[in-house]
Amino acid sequence: MKDASWDDLQLFFHVATGGGLSAAAGRTGLSAPTIGRRMLALERVTGRSLFSRGPTGYLLAKDGQELLDRVRLMQDAARAISDWRGEVLTLPIVSTAADSWTSRFVADHLASVWTPKDIFRMCYKTCDASVDFTYRETHIAIRHSRPESGNVAIRRSVKVAHAAYQAAGYDETNCNWISLGTDTAITPADKWTFEQPDYWITSWTNTPHMLFYLIRGGAGRGVLPCFIGDQERRLVRAGPVIEELTYEMWIVAHDDERQRPEVRIVIDRLAALFADHEELFAGQRPAI
């Protein structure tokens, strides 16, 4: 019976429980002749006589009754799988928004923020621009500055330092620098390199992640957050911490949303994750 399709078995169920082709046609929208042909095909596939056909309808033969019992078990299993899948869709969602670098850090330490055992789902948004809580773009935002207005709850987090980095083994006589393009640079750290009057920028890109790969690939020096640069073994600092780029990180949530238990859990976990790596964020941990 390996070639019997689940669709035909479900159609058989309607014929068997409805007492004939007409009832099955009413349930499925298929025509009675079509259903009759498919039942004949099912009998050929199974090698069994499933029905006793007569003027009063389709009566189940012995083999038909045995197949019906098995189809009912299959339906119960399919229903259980459907219910199991449906449970996931009813779980509440917590959405977070962070810049590209912080999003990457959270992803690298995901088990500290969410695990499959949690009874909520997560949405991770990368957002280098500001977040508008008025329209609930996200439940939690990780920001570079303290919000001055809005119906939000805030939590001070760690200080974030930046430095110039270069590939390990980089030629010290090479004066090339890499930067984000002026059309995509948003933060002071994004703009720092091209604002230096005597820096020779030979490469630029439109995404922070590509900036990282270009620096690591040896295209030149570039500015990175210390919590990114100091964790990469193939990078070394090309200078001290750039003090004017240091900022305080803030965890911000809409004041209404923060009352939800799952939102509170994620806020607490993010705060703990950043606090556990406070020295790394502040540029006080040597490169590994």
Protein backbone atom coordinates (compact mmCIF):
# COMPACT_ATOMS: atom_id res chain seq x y z
CA MET A 1 0.00 0.00 0.00
CA LYS A 2 3.04 2.21 -0.29
CA ASP A 3 1.63 4.12 -3.25
CA ALA A 4 -1.68 5.07 -1.62
CA SER A 5 -1.72 8.84 -1.18
CA TRP A 6 -2.94 10.55 1.97
CA ASP A 7 -5.45 12.51 -0.15
CA ASP A 8 -7.01 9.27 -1.42
CA LEU A 9 -7.10 7.83 2.09
CA GLN A 10 -8.92 10.94 3.34
CA LEU A 11 -11.33 10.65 0.43
CA PHE A 12 -11.88 6.99 1.35
CA PHE A 13 -12.70 8.13 4.89
CA HIS A 14 -15.46 10.42 3.62
CA VAL A 15 -16.96 7.66 1.45
CA ALA A 16 -16.75 5.09 4.26
CA THR A 17 -18.28 7.30 6.95
CA GLY A 18 -20.79 9.00 4.66
CA GLY A 19 -22.15 5.82 3.21
CA GLY A 20 -21.49 6.55 -0.44
CA LEU A 21 -20.22 8.77 -3.19
CA SER A 22 -22.91 11.46 -2.91
CA ALA A 23 -22.16 12.17 0.73
CA ALA A 24 -18.42 12.30 0.01
CA ALA A 25 -19.04 14.63 -2.91
CA GLY A 26 -20.99 16.98 -0.60
CA ARG A 27 -18.13 17.00 1.89
CA THR A 28 -15.26 17.43 -0.54
CA GLY A 29 -16.67 19.34 -3.52
CA LEU A 30 -15.52 16.64 -5.94
CA SER A 31 -17.94 14.97 -8.31
CA ALA A 32 -19.30 11.52 -7.51
CA PRO A 33 -17.82 9.96 -10.70
CA THR A 34 -14.38 11.35 -9.83
CA ILE A 35 -14.59 9.94 -6.31
CA GLY A 36 -15.74 6.57 -7.69
CA ARG A 37 -12.74 6.37 -10.02
CA ARG A 38 -10.36 7.23 -7.20
CA MET A 39 -11.86 4.54 -4.94
CA LEU A 40 -11.37 1.97 -7.70
CA ALA A 41 -7.76 3.13 -8.05
CA LEU A 42 -7.28 2.84 -4.27
CA GLU A 43 -8.57 -0.73 -4.34
CA ARG A 44 -6.08 -1.55 -7.10
CA VAL A 45 -3.23 0.00 -5.15
CA THR A 46 -4.10 -1.83 -1.93
CA GLY A 47 -5.02 -5.08 -3.64
CA ARG A 48 -8.12 -5.26 -1.44
CA SER A 49 -11.89 -5.01 -1.99
CA LEU A 50 -12.83 -2.11 0.24
CA PHE A 51 -16.54 -1.72 -0.55
CA SER A 52 -19.60 -3.78 -1.28
CA ARG A 53 -21.36 -1.65 -3.87
CA GLY A 54 -25.15 -1.80 -4.04
CA PRO A 55 -28.26 0.27 -4.78
CA THR A 56 -28.27 1.65 -1.24
CA GLY A 57 -24.70 2.95 -1.41
CA TYR A 58 -21.16 1.90 -0.62
CA LEU A 59 -21.00 -0.56 2.28
CA LEU A 60 -17.66 -1.30 3.85
CA ALA A 61 -16.21 -4.74 3.18
CA LYS A 62 -14.11 -6.42 5.86
CA ASP A 63 -10.87 -5.04 4.40
CA GLY A 64 -12.51 -1.64 4.09
CA GLN A 65 -13.34 -1.64 7.81
CA GLU A 66 -9.75 -2.53 8.66
CA LEU A 67 -8.48 0.27 6.44
CA LEU A 68 -10.94 2.71 8.03
CA ASP A 69 -9.61 1.84 11.49
CA ARG A 70 -6.06 2.54 10.29
CA VAL A 71 -7.03 5.80 8.58
CA ARG A 72 -8.63 6.99 11.82
CA LEU A 73 -5.33 6.38 13.61
CA MET A 74 -3.52 8.29 10.90
CA GLN A 75 -5.97 11.17 11.24
CA ASP A 76 -5.43 11.29 14.99
CA ALA A 77 -1.67 11.44 14.46
CA ALA A 78 -2.03 14.16 11.81
CA ARG A 79 -4.31 16.15 14.10
CA ALA A 80 -1.81 15.88 16.95
CA ILE A 81 0.96 17.18 14.69
CA SER A 82 -1.27 20.04 13.55
CA ASP A 83 -2.11 20.93 17.15
CA TRP A 84 1.58 20.79 18.06
CA ARG A 85 2.46 23.14 15.21
CA GLY A 86 -0.39 25.42 16.15
CA GLU A 87 0.89 25.75 19.71
CA VAL A 88 3.98 27.54 18.40
CA LEU A 89 1.86 30.15 16.62
CA THR A 90 0.05 31.00 19.85
CA LEU A 91 3.24 31.80 21.77
CA PRO A 92 3.76 35.50 22.51
CA ILE A 93 6.45 37.40 20.61
CA VAL A 94 9.21 39.63 21.96
CA SER A 95 10.90 41.82 19.37
CA THR A 96 14.26 43.51 19.89
CA ALA A 97 16.02 46.15 17.83
CA ALA A 98 19.73 46.89 17.93
CA ASP A 99 22.46 48.21 15.68
CA SER A 100 24.39 45.82 13.45
CA TRP A 101 27.26 45.30 15.90
CA THR A 102 25.07 44.70 18.96
CA SER A 103 22.79 42.41 16.97
CA ARG A 104 25.82 40.34 16.03
CA PHE A 105 26.95 40.17 19.65
CA VAL A 106 23.50 39.04 20.80
CA ALA A 107 23.44 36.35 18.11
CA ASP A 108 26.85 35.11 19.23
CA HIS A 109 25.55 34.83 22.80
CA LEU A 110 22.00 33.79 21.98
CA ALA A 111 21.71 31.16 24.71
CA SER A 112 21.96 33.97 27.27
CA VAL A 113 18.90 35.67 25.77
CA TRP A 114 16.62 32.90 24.49
CA THR A 115 16.47 29.11 24.36
CA PRO A 116 14.01 26.73 22.68
CA LYS A 117 12.58 25.97 26.13
CA ASP A 118 11.26 29.52 26.51
CA ILE A 119 7.50 29.88 26.12
CA PHE A 120 7.76 32.86 23.82
CA ARG A 121 9.11 33.59 20.34
CA MET A 122 11.72 36.17 19.40
CA CYS A 123 12.05 38.66 16.56
CA TYR A 124 15.51 40.16 16.12
CA LYS A 125 15.62 43.43 14.18
CA THR A 126 18.80 45.10 13.03
CA CYS A 127 18.17 48.81 13.02
CA ASP A 128 21.06 51.27 12.80
CA ALA A 129 18.67 54.24 12.79
CA SER A 130 16.47 55.27 15.71
CA VAL A 131 13.39 53.26 16.69
CA ASP A 132 9.91 54.78 16.94
CA PHE A 133 8.06 53.34 19.93
CA THR A 134 4.91 55.29 19.06
CA TYR A 135 3.98 52.67 16.47
CA ARG A 136 5.43 49.76 18.44
CA GLU A 137 8.13 49.02 15.87
CA THR A 138 9.74 46.87 18.53
CA HIS A 139 9.24 45.95 22.17
CA ILE A 140 12.85 46.47 23.25
CA ALA A 141 15.52 48.69 21.71
CA ILE A 142 19.22 48.88 22.52
CA ARG A 143 20.22 52.49 22.00
CA HIS A 144 23.37 54.62 21.92
CA SER A 145 21.84 57.45 23.94
CA ARG A 146 19.26 58.03 26.64
CA PRO A 147 15.80 58.86 25.23
CA GLU A 148 14.67 62.35 26.13
CA SER A 149 10.96 61.79 25.56
CA GLY A 150 8.31 59.17 24.90
CA ASN A 151 6.35 56.68 26.97
CA VAL A 152 9.34 54.46 27.59
CA ALA A 153 11.14 52.71 30.40
CA ILE A 154 14.93 52.86 30.32
CA ARG A 155 17.79 50.96 31.88
CA ARG A 156 21.39 52.14 31.80
CA SER A 157 23.74 49.45 30.57
CA VAL A 158 27.47 49.40 29.76
CA LYS A 159 29.89 51.85 28.21
CA VAL A 160 30.86 51.04 24.64
CA ALA A 161 34.35 51.95 23.42
CA HIS A 162 35.83 52.04 19.91
CA ALA A 163 39.30 51.74 18.49
CA ALA A 164 41.04 51.43 15.15
CA TYR A 165 41.81 47.85 14.09
CA GLN A 166 43.88 46.16 11.44
CA ALA A 167 44.51 42.61 10.34
CA ALA A 168 47.12 40.73 12.34
CA GLY A 169 50.41 40.95 10.45
CA TYR A 170 49.29 44.11 8.67
CA ASP A 171 52.11 46.16 7.18
CA GLU A 172 52.59 49.10 9.53
CA THR A 173 53.86 51.28 6.68
CA ASN A 174 50.55 50.86 4.82
CA CYS A 175 48.48 54.02 5.31
CA ASN A 176 45.21 52.71 3.81
CA TRP A 177 41.98 53.18 5.75
CA ILE A 178 38.50 51.72 5.30
CA SER A 179 35.25 53.48 6.15
CA LEU A 180 31.51 53.33 5.78
CA GLY A 181 30.31 55.52 2.94
CA THR A 182 29.12 59.02 3.75
CA ASP A 183 25.63 58.11 2.54
CA THR A 184 25.21 55.28 5.05
CA ALA A 185 27.22 56.49 8.06
CA ILE A 186 24.90 57.28 10.99
CA THR A 187 26.78 57.21 14.27
CA PRO A 188 29.87 59.22 15.27
CA ALA A 189 31.92 56.02 15.02
CA ASP A 190 30.65 55.48 11.46
CA LYS A 191 31.77 58.97 10.49
CA TRP A 192 35.02 59.22 12.42
CA THR A 193 37.39 57.90 9.75
CA PHE A 194 36.26 60.11 6.88
CA GLU A 195 36.18 63.13 9.21
CA GLN A 196 39.93 62.85 9.83
CA PRO A 197 41.63 65.37 7.51
CA ASP A 198 44.78 63.38 6.74
CA TYR A 199 43.49 59.80 6.47
CA TRP A 200 43.95 58.02 3.14
CA ILE A 201 40.66 56.12 2.58
CA THR A 202 41.12 53.62 -0.22
CA SER A 203 38.03 51.46 0.41
CA TRP A 204 34.54 52.05 1.69
CA THR A 205 31.36 50.04 1.98
CA ASN A 206 27.70 50.45 2.84
CA THR A 207 27.32 47.88 5.64
CA PRO A 208 29.04 47.48 9.02
CA HIS A 209 29.53 43.75 8.48
CA MET A 210 31.37 44.30 5.20
CA LEU A 211 33.54 46.88 6.94
CA PHE A 212 34.55 44.20 9.43
CA TYR A 213 35.43 41.70 6.70
CA LEU A 214 37.44 44.25 4.73
CA ILE A 215 39.50 45.16 7.78
CA ARG A 216 40.06 41.51 8.60
CA GLY A 217 40.97 40.83 4.99
CA GLY A 218 43.79 43.37 5.12
CA ALA A 219 42.32 46.13 2.97
CA GLY A 220 43.25 48.75 5.55
CA ARG A 221 42.60 50.05 9.04
CA GLY A 222 39.12 50.89 10.27
CA VAL A 223 37.14 51.75 13.38
CA LEU A 224 35.21 49.02 15.20
CA PRO A 225 33.53 48.67 18.58
CA CYS A 226 35.98 47.04 20.96
CA PHE A 227 33.49 44.28 21.78
CA ILE A 228 33.71 43.25 18.13
CA GLY A 229 37.39 43.90 17.35
CA ASP A 230 38.84 42.46 20.56
CA GLN A 231 37.02 39.17 20.09
CA GLU A 232 38.45 38.52 16.63
CA ARG A 233 41.78 36.69 16.74
CA ARG A 234 42.71 37.86 13.26
CA LEU A 235 42.52 41.53 14.26
CA VAL A 236 44.77 43.72 16.41
CA ARG A 237 44.31 47.26 17.60
CA ALA A 238 45.94 49.94 15.48
CA GLY A 239 45.80 52.51 18.27
CA PRO A 240 44.30 53.34 21.67
CA VAL A 241 40.62 53.65 22.50
CA ILE A 242 39.13 56.67 20.72
CA GLU A 243 37.68 58.36 23.78
CA GLU A 244 35.29 60.74 21.99
CA LEU A 245 33.48 57.77 20.47
CA THR A 246 32.68 56.08 23.79
CA TYR A 247 28.96 56.10 24.62
CA GLU A 248 26.63 54.62 27.21
CA MET A 249 24.31 51.87 26.07
CA TRP A 250 20.66 52.03 27.09
CA ILE A 251 18.04 49.29 27.08
CA VAL A 252 14.71 50.90 26.26
CA ALA A 253 11.21 49.43 26.23
CA HIS A 254 7.74 50.83 25.72
CA ASP A 255 6.35 51.45 29.19
CA ASP A 256 3.23 49.37 28.49
CA GLU A 257 5.07 46.45 26.94
CA ARG A 258 7.62 46.09 29.74
CA GLN A 259 4.87 44.83 32.04
CA ARG A 260 4.58 41.66 29.98
CA PRO A 261 6.47 38.84 31.73
CA GLU A 262 8.28 37.68 28.60
CA VAL A 263 9.42 41.23 27.77
CA ARG A 264 10.71 41.67 31.31
CA ILE A 265 12.60 38.38 31.05
CA VAL A 266 14.37 39.45 27.85
CA ILE A 267 15.23 42.88 29.29
CA ASP A 268 16.78 41.27 32.35
CA ARG A 269 18.71 38.76 30.26
CA LEU A 270 20.07 41.43 27.92
CA ALA A 271 21.14 43.56 30.89
CA ALA A 272 22.88 40.58 32.48
CA LEU A 273 24.60 39.61 29.21
CA PHE A 274 26.04 43.08 28.69
CA ALA A 275 27.05 43.39 32.35
CA ASP A 276 28.88 40.06 32.19
CA HIS A 277 31.01 41.51 29.35
CA GLU A 278 31.36 45.02 30.73
CA GLU A 279 35.16 45.11 30.36
CA LEU A 280 34.96 43.89 26.78
CA PHE A 281 32.48 46.61 25.85
CA ALA A 282 34.59 49.27 27.57
CA GLY A 283 37.71 48.24 25.68
CA GLN A 284 39.45 47.13 28.87
CA ARG A 285 39.90 43.50 27.89
CA PRO A 286 42.96 42.66 25.79
CA ALA A 287 42.43 41.02 22.44
CA ILE A 288 42.05 37.26 22.68
